[in-house]
Amino acid sequence: MALTFRYGQPMGEAASNTLCTMGNVLVAGNTIRHLTPKGIAKLTAKSTGACVVEDYRKTLQEQNHTSGAGPSSKGD
């Protein structure tokens, strides 16, 4: 970090800690904003939908690997 080079290790660490704290405050504020019934329902629906799609993709991949489908598997 430029501050560490210019002002020394203690100042660089203080600046880094300050920026990390600011980031954590922003994340906490964003999280608090979503702690409404509508926000919780939306996050739950998104997570559930993502899990359903992921499970469906895994099922399709398993079926494709076990079925042996392809031009070479036909009995000509």
Protein backbone atom coordinates (compact mmCIF):
# COMPACT_ATOMS: atom_id res chain seq x y z
CA MET A 1 0.00 0.00 0.00
CA ALA A 2 1.26 3.48 -0.77
CA LEU A 3 0.67 4.70 2.77
CA THR A 4 2.92 2.00 4.21
CA PHE A 5 5.73 3.00 1.88
CA ARG A 6 5.37 6.71 2.51
CA TYR A 7 4.36 6.91 6.20
CA GLY A 8 5.52 3.59 7.65
CA GLN A 9 4.04 0.31 8.79
CA PRO A 10 1.82 1.60 11.64
CA MET A 11 0.09 4.15 9.40
CA GLY A 12 -0.38 1.58 6.65
CA GLU A 13 -2.00 -0.86 9.06
CA ALA A 14 -4.24 1.88 10.48
CA ALA A 15 -5.39 2.84 6.97
CA SER A 16 -6.00 -0.80 6.07
CA ASN A 17 -8.01 -1.41 9.23
CA THR A 18 -10.04 1.76 8.60
CA LEU A 19 -10.90 0.69 5.07
CA CYS A 20 -11.85 -2.81 6.23
CA THR A 21 -14.09 -1.31 8.92
CA MET A 22 -15.78 0.94 6.36
CA GLY A 23 -16.41 -2.06 4.12
CA ASN A 24 -17.89 -4.03 7.01
CA VAL A 25 -20.18 -1.12 7.90
CA LEU A 26 -21.44 -0.96 4.31
CA VAL A 27 -22.08 -4.72 4.24
CA ALA A 28 -23.89 -4.55 7.59
CA GLY A 29 -26.05 -1.67 6.36
CA ASN A 30 -26.93 -3.58 3.22
CA THR A 31 -27.80 -6.65 5.28
CA ILE A 32 -30.00 -4.66 7.66
CA ARG A 33 -31.86 -3.16 4.72
CA HIS A 34 -32.77 -6.67 3.56
CA LEU A 35 -34.04 -7.78 6.96
CA THR A 36 -37.64 -7.02 6.09
CA PRO A 37 -40.22 -9.73 5.50
CA LYS A 38 -40.11 -8.98 1.77
CA GLY A 39 -36.30 -9.00 1.72
CA ILE A 40 -36.09 -12.29 3.60
CA ALA A 41 -38.67 -13.87 1.28
CA LYS A 42 -36.76 -12.64 -1.76
CA LEU A 43 -33.43 -14.02 -0.52
CA THR A 44 -35.07 -17.34 0.38
CA ALA A 45 -36.70 -17.61 -3.04
CA LYS A 46 -33.42 -16.82 -4.81
CA SER A 47 -31.49 -19.38 -2.77
CA THR A 48 -34.15 -22.03 -3.26
CA GLY A 49 -34.32 -21.39 -6.99
CA ALA A 50 -30.55 -21.62 -7.31
CA CYS A 51 -30.50 -24.94 -5.44
CA VAL A 52 -33.31 -26.37 -7.57
CA VAL A 53 -31.52 -25.40 -10.79
CA GLU A 54 -28.22 -26.80 -9.52
CA ASP A 55 -29.85 -30.12 -8.57
CA TYR A 56 -31.61 -30.30 -11.94
CA ARG A 57 -28.33 -29.69 -13.78
CA LYS A 58 -26.64 -32.45 -11.78
CA THR A 59 -29.49 -34.82 -12.61
CA LEU A 60 -29.20 -34.02 -16.32
CA GLN A 61 -25.45 -34.51 -16.25
CA GLU A 62 -25.82 -37.87 -14.51
CA GLN A 63 -28.42 -38.99 -17.05
CA ASN A 64 -26.19 -37.94 -19.95
CA HIS A 65 -23.20 -39.82 -18.54
CA THR A 66 -25.09 -43.01 -17.70
CA SER A 67 -27.32 -43.26 -20.76
CA GLY A 68 -24.45 -43.74 -23.19
CA ALA A 69 -26.31 -41.65 -25.74
CA GLY A 70 -24.47 -40.77 -28.89
CA PRO A 71 -23.96 -41.93 -32.45
CA SER A 72 -21.65 -44.78 -31.47
CA SER A 73 -24.15 -46.33 -29.04
CA LYS A 74 -26.79 -47.09 -31.68
CA GLY A 75 -26.85 -50.70 -32.81
CA ASP A 76 -26.36 -50.29 -36.59
